[in-house]
Amino acid sequence: MRGKETVRDMLLSLVVIGAVAAGIYVFAIPHDDSKNPLKTVDYRVELITARRAAPYPVAAPEPGRLPKGWRATSVTYGPETSSRPQGDTAWHLGFLTAEEEYVAVEQSNAKTGPYVAEVTQRAKKTDRAQRIDGKEWVRYKGDKYNALVHTEPGVTTVVTGTASFGQLTEMASALTAKKG
């Protein structure tokens, strides 16, 4: 009979709805926290595109040159943004190491100082440099990221991330820069 609903009926309805919601949560929603939510990306198409379009040789690791367990997780190539004026472009290729540390290859023809500050999360230049495959890379140290920076006329290449300098060096030594 309508109009004779009681608080007891309302509470019973809430219990039934709660049981259904709990069942959906437990049985229908995946709960595997051991899996890393970052997807591996195939960056080959973006690399070919960037190498054709960029005004500089675009750097990426040669296949088989990175340690086992490293995987690409992000890739972008594009024109200017608010921090890069018109005519400047940027290449980004991000990886996770087997130890879940982040390593990125960043390249641009933007002004070196502001660009390095942006992609290294404001890491500071140190007085240390190292030679990798005949090129001089300057070390930057920061609270969030460390980096290795190599500059040539028209392009700055930065290998940066949360990884150790040893892992950043592994990435830098795996890079091959090519044009189109």
N, C-alpha and C. Protein backbone atom coordinates (compact mmCIF):
# COMPACT_ATOMS: atom_id res chain seq x y z
N MET A 1 0.84 -1.16 0.00
CA MET A 1 0.00 0.00 0.00
C MET A 1 0.90 1.24 0.00
N ARG A 2 0.61 2.20 -0.90
CA ARG A 2 1.41 3.40 -1.02
C ARG A 2 1.16 4.33 0.15
N GLY A 3 2.25 5.03 0.54
CA GLY A 3 2.13 5.98 1.63
C GLY A 3 2.42 5.41 2.99
N LYS A 4 2.60 4.10 3.08
CA LYS A 4 2.85 3.47 4.37
C LYS A 4 4.32 3.03 4.50
N GLU A 5 5.24 3.61 3.67
CA GLU A 5 6.64 3.24 3.75
C GLU A 5 7.19 3.69 5.10
N THR A 6 8.10 2.87 5.64
CA THR A 6 8.67 3.19 6.95
C THR A 6 10.18 3.38 6.81
N VAL A 7 10.76 3.86 7.87
CA VAL A 7 12.21 4.02 7.92
C VAL A 7 12.86 2.65 7.76
N ARG A 8 12.24 1.62 8.32
CA ARG A 8 12.76 0.26 8.21
C ARG A 8 12.84 -0.17 6.75
N ASP A 9 11.83 0.12 5.96
CA ASP A 9 11.83 -0.22 4.53
C ASP A 9 12.94 0.52 3.80
N MET A 10 13.14 1.78 4.14
CA MET A 10 14.19 2.58 3.51
C MET A 10 15.57 1.99 3.85
N LEU A 11 15.79 1.60 5.10
CA LEU A 11 17.06 1.01 5.50
C LEU A 11 17.29 -0.33 4.80
N LEU A 12 16.27 -1.14 4.66
CA LEU A 12 16.40 -2.42 3.94
C LEU A 12 16.77 -2.18 2.48
N SER A 13 16.20 -1.17 1.85
CA SER A 13 16.53 -0.82 0.47
C SER A 13 17.99 -0.38 0.37
N LEU A 14 18.45 0.40 1.34
CA LEU A 14 19.85 0.84 1.34
C LEU A 14 20.81 -0.34 1.50
N VAL A 15 20.46 -1.31 2.32
CA VAL A 15 21.29 -2.50 2.51
C VAL A 15 21.39 -3.28 1.20
N VAL A 16 20.27 -3.45 0.51
CA VAL A 16 20.28 -4.18 -0.77
C VAL A 16 21.14 -3.44 -1.79
N ILE A 17 20.99 -2.13 -1.90
CA ILE A 17 21.79 -1.34 -2.84
C ILE A 17 23.27 -1.42 -2.48
N GLY A 18 23.58 -1.33 -1.19
CA GLY A 18 24.98 -1.44 -0.73
C GLY A 18 25.58 -2.79 -1.06
N ALA A 19 24.82 -3.87 -0.91
CA ALA A 19 25.31 -5.22 -1.22
C ALA A 19 25.59 -5.36 -2.71
N VAL A 20 24.72 -4.81 -3.55
CA VAL A 20 24.93 -4.87 -5.00
C VAL A 20 26.19 -4.07 -5.37
N ALA A 21 26.34 -2.88 -4.81
CA ALA A 21 27.51 -2.04 -5.11
C ALA A 21 28.80 -2.72 -4.64
N ALA A 22 28.78 -3.34 -3.48
CA ALA A 22 29.95 -4.05 -2.97
C ALA A 22 30.30 -5.23 -3.88
N GLY A 23 29.28 -5.96 -4.35
CA GLY A 23 29.52 -7.08 -5.26
C GLY A 23 30.15 -6.62 -6.56
N ILE A 24 29.67 -5.53 -7.10
CA ILE A 24 30.26 -4.99 -8.34
C ILE A 24 31.71 -4.59 -8.08
N TYR A 25 31.97 -3.91 -6.98
CA TYR A 25 33.32 -3.47 -6.66
C TYR A 25 34.28 -4.66 -6.51
N VAL A 26 33.86 -5.68 -5.81
CA VAL A 26 34.72 -6.84 -5.54
C VAL A 26 34.93 -7.70 -6.77
N PHE A 27 33.87 -7.95 -7.53
CA PHE A 27 33.96 -8.93 -8.61
C PHE A 27 34.13 -8.33 -10.02
N ALA A 28 33.73 -7.11 -10.24
CA ALA A 28 33.74 -6.57 -11.60
C ALA A 28 34.88 -5.58 -11.87
N ILE A 29 35.45 -4.99 -10.84
CA ILE A 29 36.51 -4.00 -11.03
C ILE A 29 37.86 -4.65 -10.75
N PRO A 30 38.81 -4.57 -11.70
CA PRO A 30 40.12 -5.18 -11.47
C PRO A 30 40.87 -4.47 -10.34
N HIS A 31 41.59 -5.26 -9.54
CA HIS A 31 42.31 -4.72 -8.38
C HIS A 31 43.76 -5.19 -8.33
N ASP A 32 44.39 -5.38 -9.47
CA ASP A 32 45.77 -5.85 -9.48
C ASP A 32 46.72 -4.68 -9.34
N ASP A 33 47.12 -4.36 -8.09
CA ASP A 33 48.01 -3.24 -7.83
C ASP A 33 49.46 -3.55 -8.18
N SER A 34 49.78 -4.82 -8.45
CA SER A 34 51.16 -5.18 -8.77
C SER A 34 51.52 -4.77 -10.20
N LYS A 35 50.53 -4.58 -11.04
CA LYS A 35 50.79 -4.17 -12.42
C LYS A 35 51.02 -2.66 -12.48
N ASN A 36 51.99 -2.25 -13.28
CA ASN A 36 52.25 -0.84 -13.48
C ASN A 36 51.21 -0.30 -14.46
N PRO A 37 50.53 0.80 -14.11
CA PRO A 37 49.47 1.30 -14.98
C PRO A 37 49.99 1.98 -16.25
N LEU A 38 51.29 2.27 -16.33
CA LEU A 38 51.83 2.91 -17.52
C LEU A 38 51.94 1.91 -18.66
N LYS A 39 51.40 2.27 -19.78
CA LYS A 39 51.44 1.41 -20.95
C LYS A 39 52.75 1.64 -21.71
N THR A 40 53.24 0.58 -22.31
CA THR A 40 54.41 0.68 -23.18
C THR A 40 53.94 1.21 -24.53
N VAL A 41 54.70 2.15 -25.09
CA VAL A 41 54.34 2.72 -26.38
C VAL A 41 55.35 2.31 -27.45
N ASP A 42 54.87 2.21 -28.66
CA ASP A 42 55.74 1.98 -29.81
C ASP A 42 55.98 3.34 -30.43
N TYR A 43 57.20 3.80 -30.39
CA TYR A 43 57.50 5.17 -30.83
C TYR A 43 58.07 5.24 -32.24
N ARG A 44 58.08 4.15 -32.97
CA ARG A 44 58.72 4.14 -34.30
C ARG A 44 58.09 5.12 -35.28
N VAL A 45 56.77 5.20 -35.34
CA VAL A 45 56.11 6.09 -36.29
C VAL A 45 56.40 7.55 -35.94
N GLU A 46 56.30 7.89 -34.64
CA GLU A 46 56.59 9.26 -34.22
C GLU A 46 58.05 9.62 -34.49
N LEU A 47 58.95 8.66 -34.31
CA LEU A 47 60.37 8.91 -34.57
C LEU A 47 60.61 9.20 -36.05
N ILE A 48 60.01 8.41 -36.93
CA ILE A 48 60.16 8.64 -38.37
C ILE A 48 59.60 10.02 -38.73
N THR A 49 58.44 10.35 -38.19
CA THR A 49 57.81 11.64 -38.46
C THR A 49 58.68 12.79 -37.97
N ALA A 50 59.18 12.67 -36.74
CA ALA A 50 60.02 13.73 -36.17
C ALA A 50 61.31 13.89 -36.97
N ARG A 51 61.92 12.80 -37.37
CA ARG A 51 63.17 12.88 -38.13
C ARG A 51 62.95 13.54 -39.49
N ARG A 52 61.77 13.40 -40.07
CA ARG A 52 61.46 14.07 -41.33
C ARG A 52 61.18 15.55 -41.13
N ALA A 53 60.52 15.89 -40.04
CA ALA A 53 60.04 17.25 -39.84
C ALA A 53 60.99 18.16 -39.07
N ALA A 54 61.78 17.61 -38.18
CA ALA A 54 62.61 18.44 -37.30
C ALA A 54 63.73 19.13 -38.07
N PRO A 55 64.10 20.34 -37.65
CA PRO A 55 65.20 21.03 -38.30
C PRO A 55 66.57 20.58 -37.76
N TYR A 56 66.59 19.52 -37.00
CA TYR A 56 67.82 18.98 -36.41
C TYR A 56 67.75 17.45 -36.43
N PRO A 57 68.89 16.76 -36.34
CA PRO A 57 68.86 15.30 -36.25
C PRO A 57 68.22 14.86 -34.93
N VAL A 58 67.22 14.01 -34.99
CA VAL A 58 66.46 13.58 -33.81
C VAL A 58 67.12 12.33 -33.22
N ALA A 59 67.33 12.36 -31.90
CA ALA A 59 68.01 11.28 -31.19
C ALA A 59 67.02 10.30 -30.57
N ALA A 60 67.34 9.02 -30.72
CA ALA A 60 66.57 7.95 -30.09
C ALA A 60 67.51 6.77 -29.89
N PRO A 61 67.21 5.91 -28.91
CA PRO A 61 68.09 4.76 -28.70
C PRO A 61 68.01 3.76 -29.85
N GLU A 62 69.16 3.24 -30.21
CA GLU A 62 69.21 2.19 -31.22
C GLU A 62 68.58 0.93 -30.64
N PRO A 63 67.83 0.18 -31.45
CA PRO A 63 67.24 -1.07 -30.95
C PRO A 63 68.31 -2.00 -30.38
N GLY A 64 68.01 -2.56 -29.21
CA GLY A 64 68.92 -3.50 -28.57
C GLY A 64 70.04 -2.87 -27.77
N ARG A 65 70.14 -1.54 -27.73
CA ARG A 65 71.23 -0.88 -27.01
C ARG A 65 70.88 -0.54 -25.56
N LEU A 66 69.62 -0.62 -25.19
CA LEU A 66 69.23 -0.35 -23.81
C LEU A 66 69.18 -1.66 -23.02
N PRO A 67 69.40 -1.59 -21.70
CA PRO A 67 69.33 -2.80 -20.87
C PRO A 67 67.94 -3.43 -20.92
N LYS A 68 67.88 -4.73 -20.66
CA LYS A 68 66.60 -5.43 -20.62
C LYS A 68 65.71 -4.80 -19.55
N GLY A 69 64.43 -4.75 -19.85
CA GLY A 69 63.47 -4.22 -18.88
C GLY A 69 63.14 -2.75 -19.07
N TRP A 70 63.91 -2.03 -19.87
CA TRP A 70 63.59 -0.63 -20.14
C TRP A 70 62.46 -0.60 -21.16
N ARG A 71 61.49 0.30 -20.94
CA ARG A 71 60.38 0.37 -21.88
C ARG A 71 59.93 1.81 -22.10
N ALA A 72 59.62 2.10 -23.35
CA ALA A 72 59.14 3.44 -23.71
C ALA A 72 57.71 3.61 -23.19
N THR A 73 57.46 4.77 -22.56
CA THR A 73 56.13 5.03 -21.99
C THR A 73 55.49 6.30 -22.54
N SER A 74 56.26 7.16 -23.19
CA SER A 74 55.67 8.38 -23.75
C SER A 74 56.52 8.89 -24.90
N VAL A 75 55.86 9.52 -25.85
CA VAL A 75 56.56 10.08 -27.01
C VAL A 75 55.74 11.25 -27.55
N THR A 76 56.43 12.36 -27.84
CA THR A 76 55.78 13.51 -28.48
C THR A 76 56.80 14.23 -29.35
N TYR A 77 56.31 14.84 -30.39
CA TYR A 77 57.09 15.76 -31.19
C TYR A 77 56.15 16.87 -31.58
N GLY A 78 56.59 18.10 -31.42
CA GLY A 78 55.68 19.17 -31.79
C GLY A 78 56.32 20.52 -31.87
N PRO A 79 55.54 21.46 -32.37
CA PRO A 79 56.00 22.83 -32.53
C PRO A 79 55.96 23.59 -31.22
N GLU A 80 56.09 24.88 -31.37
CA GLU A 80 56.21 25.78 -30.23
C GLU A 80 55.07 25.61 -29.22
N THR A 81 55.37 25.98 -27.98
CA THR A 81 54.38 26.08 -26.90
C THR A 81 54.61 27.42 -26.24
N SER A 82 53.98 27.63 -25.11
CA SER A 82 54.17 28.92 -24.42
C SER A 82 55.62 29.13 -24.01
N SER A 83 56.34 28.04 -23.73
CA SER A 83 57.73 28.19 -23.31
C SER A 83 58.71 28.12 -24.48
N ARG A 84 58.20 27.78 -25.67
CA ARG A 84 59.06 27.73 -26.87
C ARG A 84 58.41 28.61 -27.93
N PRO A 85 59.10 29.65 -28.36
CA PRO A 85 58.50 30.56 -29.34
C PRO A 85 58.31 29.91 -30.71
N GLN A 86 57.64 30.64 -31.57
CA GLN A 86 57.35 30.15 -32.92
C GLN A 86 58.64 29.76 -33.64
N GLY A 87 58.60 28.61 -34.30
CA GLY A 87 59.76 28.12 -35.02
C GLY A 87 60.56 27.10 -34.25
N ASP A 88 60.36 27.04 -32.94
CA ASP A 88 61.06 26.05 -32.13
C ASP A 88 60.22 24.79 -32.04
N THR A 89 60.90 23.65 -32.04
CA THR A 89 60.21 22.37 -31.92
C THR A 89 60.84 21.57 -30.80
N ALA A 90 60.15 20.54 -30.36
CA ALA A 90 60.69 19.71 -29.28
C ALA A 90 60.33 18.24 -29.50
N TRP A 91 61.29 17.38 -29.19
CA TRP A 91 61.15 15.93 -29.25
C TRP A 91 61.25 15.41 -27.83
N HIS A 92 60.33 14.53 -27.45
CA HIS A 92 60.34 13.90 -26.12
C HIS A 92 60.13 12.40 -26.29
N LEU A 93 60.98 11.63 -25.61
CA LEU A 93 60.83 10.17 -25.59
C LEU A 93 61.11 9.72 -24.17
N GLY A 94 60.08 9.24 -23.46
CA GLY A 94 60.21 8.85 -22.06
C GLY A 94 60.26 7.34 -21.87
N PHE A 95 61.07 6.91 -20.91
CA PHE A 95 61.25 5.48 -20.60
C PHE A 95 61.13 5.24 -19.11
N LEU A 96 60.77 4.01 -18.75
CA LEU A 96 60.93 3.52 -17.38
C LEU A 96 62.01 2.45 -17.43
N THR A 97 62.93 2.51 -16.47
CA THR A 97 63.97 1.48 -16.39
C THR A 97 63.39 0.24 -15.71
N ALA A 98 64.15 -0.81 -15.68
CA ALA A 98 63.71 -2.04 -15.00
C ALA A 98 63.48 -1.78 -13.52
N GLU A 99 64.16 -0.78 -12.96
CA GLU A 99 64.00 -0.43 -11.54
C GLU A 99 62.91 0.62 -11.32
N GLU A 100 62.10 0.89 -12.38
CA GLU A 100 61.00 1.85 -12.31
C GLU A 100 61.47 3.29 -12.13
N GLU A 101 62.66 3.61 -12.62
CA GLU A 101 63.14 4.99 -12.64
C GLU A 101 62.81 5.59 -14.00
N TYR A 102 62.61 6.90 -14.02
CA TYR A 102 62.23 7.59 -15.24
C TYR A 102 63.46 8.15 -15.94
N VAL A 103 63.53 7.94 -17.25
CA VAL A 103 64.59 8.51 -18.09
C VAL A 103 63.93 9.05 -19.35
N ALA A 104 64.27 10.28 -19.72
CA ALA A 104 63.69 10.88 -20.92
C ALA A 104 64.77 11.47 -21.81
N VAL A 105 64.54 11.39 -23.10
CA VAL A 105 65.36 12.07 -24.09
C VAL A 105 64.55 13.28 -24.52
N GLU A 106 65.13 14.46 -24.35
CA GLU A 106 64.46 15.71 -24.71
C GLU A 106 65.37 16.45 -25.69
N GLN A 107 64.81 16.94 -26.77
CA GLN A 107 65.59 17.69 -27.75
C GLN A 107 64.79 18.88 -28.24
N SER A 108 65.49 19.98 -28.50
CA SER A 108 64.82 21.15 -29.05
C SER A 108 65.83 22.09 -29.68
N ASN A 109 65.30 22.93 -30.56
CA ASN A 109 66.10 24.01 -31.10
C ASN A 109 65.78 25.32 -30.40
N ALA A 110 65.09 25.25 -29.27
CA ALA A 110 64.79 26.43 -28.45
C ALA A 110 66.06 26.92 -27.76
N LYS A 111 65.99 28.11 -27.14
CA LYS A 111 67.13 28.63 -26.40
C LYS A 111 67.52 27.64 -25.32
N THR A 112 68.81 27.34 -25.24
CA THR A 112 69.30 26.28 -24.35
C THR A 112 68.93 26.49 -22.90
N GLY A 113 69.23 27.66 -22.32
CA GLY A 113 69.01 27.89 -20.90
C GLY A 113 67.59 27.64 -20.43
N PRO A 114 66.61 28.34 -21.00
CA PRO A 114 65.22 28.11 -20.57
C PRO A 114 64.73 26.70 -20.87
N TYR A 115 65.15 26.14 -21.99
CA TYR A 115 64.71 24.79 -22.35
C TYR A 115 65.23 23.76 -21.35
N VAL A 116 66.52 23.84 -21.02
CA VAL A 116 67.10 22.89 -20.06
C VAL A 116 66.43 23.03 -18.70
N ALA A 117 66.18 24.26 -18.27
CA ALA A 117 65.51 24.48 -16.99
C ALA A 117 64.12 23.84 -16.98
N GLU A 118 63.42 23.95 -18.10
CA GLU A 118 62.06 23.38 -18.19
C GLU A 118 62.09 21.85 -18.12
N VAL A 119 62.91 21.21 -18.93
CA VAL A 119 62.84 19.75 -19.02
C VAL A 119 63.57 19.03 -17.88
N THR A 120 64.41 19.75 -17.13
CA THR A 120 65.11 19.12 -16.01
C THR A 120 64.48 19.48 -14.67
N GLN A 121 63.34 20.14 -14.72
CA GLN A 121 62.68 20.58 -13.48
C GLN A 121 63.59 21.49 -12.66
N ARG A 122 64.29 22.38 -13.34
CA ARG A 122 65.17 23.40 -12.74
C ARG A 122 66.44 22.83 -12.10
N ALA A 123 66.95 21.74 -12.64
CA ALA A 123 68.23 21.21 -12.15
C ALA A 123 69.33 22.23 -12.43
N LYS A 124 70.36 22.20 -11.62
CA LYS A 124 71.45 23.17 -11.73
C LYS A 124 72.66 22.54 -12.40
N LYS A 125 73.31 23.34 -13.24
CA LYS A 125 74.52 22.91 -13.94
C LYS A 125 75.63 22.68 -12.92
N THR A 126 76.36 21.58 -13.06
CA THR A 126 77.50 21.30 -12.18
C THR A 126 78.78 21.60 -12.96
N ASP A 127 79.91 21.45 -12.30
CA ASP A 127 81.19 21.66 -12.99
C ASP A 127 81.73 20.35 -13.56
N ARG A 128 80.90 19.32 -13.57
CA ARG A 128 81.32 18.01 -14.10
C ARG A 128 80.78 17.79 -15.49
N ALA A 129 81.63 17.23 -16.32
CA ALA A 129 81.24 16.85 -17.68
C ALA A 129 81.83 15.48 -17.95
N GLN A 130 81.25 14.78 -18.92
CA GLN A 130 81.79 13.48 -19.29
C GLN A 130 81.68 13.30 -20.79
N ARG A 131 82.56 12.50 -21.33
CA ARG A 131 82.56 12.20 -22.76
C ARG A 131 81.82 10.88 -22.96
N ILE A 132 80.84 10.92 -23.86
CA ILE A 132 80.09 9.73 -24.22
C ILE A 132 80.11 9.66 -25.74
N ASP A 133 80.69 8.60 -26.26
CA ASP A 133 80.80 8.41 -27.71
C ASP A 133 81.39 9.65 -28.40
N GLY A 134 82.41 10.22 -27.78
CA GLY A 134 83.12 11.35 -28.37
C GLY A 134 82.46 12.71 -28.19
N LYS A 135 81.31 12.76 -27.53
CA LYS A 135 80.61 14.03 -27.31
C LYS A 135 80.67 14.41 -25.84
N GLU A 136 80.77 15.71 -25.58
CA GLU A 136 80.80 16.17 -24.19
C GLU A 136 79.39 16.42 -23.69
N TRP A 137 79.09 15.80 -22.56
CA TRP A 137 77.80 15.95 -21.89
C TRP A 137 78.06 16.59 -20.52
N VAL A 138 77.34 17.66 -20.20
CA VAL A 138 77.47 18.35 -18.93
C VAL A 138 76.42 17.81 -17.97
N ARG A 139 76.85 17.58 -16.73
CA ARG A 139 75.92 17.07 -15.71
C ARG A 139 75.16 18.21 -15.05
N TYR A 140 73.87 17.96 -14.84
CA TYR A 140 73.00 18.86 -14.08
C TYR A 140 72.44 18.04 -12.93
N LYS A 141 72.32 18.66 -11.76
CA LYS A 141 71.81 17.96 -10.58
C LYS A 141 70.63 18.75 -10.04
N GLY A 142 69.56 18.04 -9.69
CA GLY A 142 68.37 18.72 -9.19
C GLY A 142 67.69 17.96 -8.08
N ASP A 143 66.71 18.60 -7.48
CA ASP A 143 65.95 17.97 -6.40
C ASP A 143 65.07 16.85 -6.96
N LYS A 144 64.51 17.05 -8.15
CA LYS A 144 63.64 16.05 -8.76
C LYS A 144 64.37 15.22 -9.80
N TYR A 145 65.05 15.90 -10.72
CA TYR A 145 65.70 15.23 -11.85
C TYR A 145 67.19 15.52 -11.88
N ASN A 146 67.95 14.56 -12.38
CA ASN A 146 69.33 14.77 -12.78
C ASN A 146 69.33 14.79 -14.31
N ALA A 147 70.41 15.29 -14.91
CA ALA A 147 70.42 15.36 -16.36
C ALA A 147 71.83 15.37 -16.92
N LEU A 148 71.93 14.93 -18.16
CA LEU A 148 73.12 15.08 -18.98
C LEU A 148 72.70 15.94 -20.17
N VAL A 149 73.46 17.00 -20.45
CA VAL A 149 73.08 17.95 -21.49
C VAL A 149 74.20 18.07 -22.51
N HIS A 150 73.84 17.93 -23.77
CA HIS A 150 74.79 18.08 -24.88
C HIS A 150 74.23 19.14 -25.83
N THR A 151 75.06 20.14 -26.14
CA THR A 151 74.61 21.19 -27.05
C THR A 151 75.46 21.19 -28.32
N GLU A 152 74.79 21.41 -29.42
CA GLU A 152 75.42 21.58 -30.72
C GLU A 152 74.72 22.78 -31.37
N PRO A 153 75.30 23.36 -32.39
CA PRO A 153 74.61 24.47 -33.06
C PRO A 153 73.23 24.01 -33.56
N GLY A 154 72.19 24.70 -33.11
CA GLY A 154 70.84 24.41 -33.57
C GLY A 154 70.06 23.37 -32.81
N VAL A 155 70.68 22.69 -31.82
CA VAL A 155 69.94 21.67 -31.07
C VAL A 155 70.58 21.44 -29.70
N THR A 156 69.71 21.25 -28.72
CA THR A 156 70.13 20.85 -27.38
C THR A 156 69.51 19.49 -27.10
N THR A 157 70.34 18.54 -26.68
CA THR A 157 69.86 17.21 -26.32
C THR A 157 70.03 17.04 -24.82
N VAL A 158 68.96 16.62 -24.16
CA VAL A 158 68.97 16.44 -22.71
C VAL A 158 68.50 15.02 -22.40
N VAL A 159 69.28 14.30 -21.62
CA VAL A 159 68.86 13.00 -21.09
C VAL A 159 68.63 13.26 -19.61
N THR A 160 67.40 13.15 -19.17
CA THR A 160 67.03 13.58 -17.83
C THR A 160 66.09 12.58 -17.17
N GLY A 161 65.90 12.72 -15.86
CA GLY A 161 64.94 11.88 -15.15
C GLY A 161 65.36 11.62 -13.72
N THR A 162 64.63 10.70 -13.10
CA THR A 162 64.88 10.34 -11.70
C THR A 162 65.97 9.29 -11.58
N ALA A 163 66.43 8.77 -12.69
CA ALA A 163 67.44 7.70 -12.69
C ALA A 163 68.80 8.23 -12.26
N SER A 164 69.69 7.30 -11.95
CA SER A 164 71.06 7.65 -11.56
C SER A 164 71.82 8.16 -12.79
N PHE A 165 72.96 8.82 -12.53
CA PHE A 165 73.79 9.27 -13.64
C PHE A 165 74.28 8.08 -14.46
N GLY A 166 74.47 6.94 -13.83
CA GLY A 166 74.87 5.74 -14.56
C GLY A 166 73.82 5.33 -15.59
N GLN A 167 72.55 5.37 -15.17
CA GLN A 167 71.47 5.01 -16.09
C GLN A 167 71.27 6.09 -17.16
N LEU A 168 71.44 7.35 -16.79
CA LEU A 168 71.35 8.42 -17.79
C LEU A 168 72.46 8.26 -18.82
N THR A 169 73.65 7.85 -18.36
CA THR A 169 74.77 7.61 -19.27
C THR A 169 74.46 6.45 -20.20
N GLU A 170 73.82 5.39 -19.69
CA GLU A 170 73.43 4.26 -20.54
C GLU A 170 72.52 4.73 -21.66
N MET A 171 71.57 5.60 -21.34
CA MET A 171 70.66 6.12 -22.37
C MET A 171 71.44 6.98 -23.37
N ALA A 172 72.27 7.89 -22.87
CA ALA A 172 73.02 8.76 -23.77
C ALA A 172 73.90 7.98 -24.72
N SER A 173 74.50 6.91 -24.22
CA SER A 173 75.39 6.11 -25.08
C SER A 173 74.61 5.25 -26.09
N ALA A 174 73.31 5.05 -25.85
CA ALA A 174 72.47 4.26 -26.77
C ALA A 174 71.87 5.12 -27.89
N LEU A 175 71.99 6.45 -27.77
CA LEU A 175 71.34 7.34 -28.72
C LEU A 175 72.05 7.40 -30.07
N THR A 176 71.25 7.50 -31.10
CA THR A 176 71.72 7.80 -32.44
C THR A 176 70.85 8.93 -32.97
N ALA A 177 71.50 10.02 -33.40
CA ALA A 177 70.75 11.16 -33.95
C ALA A 177 70.79 11.07 -35.47
N LYS A 178 69.59 11.12 -36.07
CA LYS A 178 69.47 11.04 -37.53
C LYS A 178 68.46 12.05 -38.02
N LYS A 179 68.63 12.45 -39.24
CA LYS A 179 67.69 13.30 -39.93
C LYS A 179 66.97 12.45 -40.96
N GLY A 180 65.72 12.71 -41.21
CA GLY A 180 64.93 12.11 -42.06
C GLY A 180 64.60 11.21 -43.01
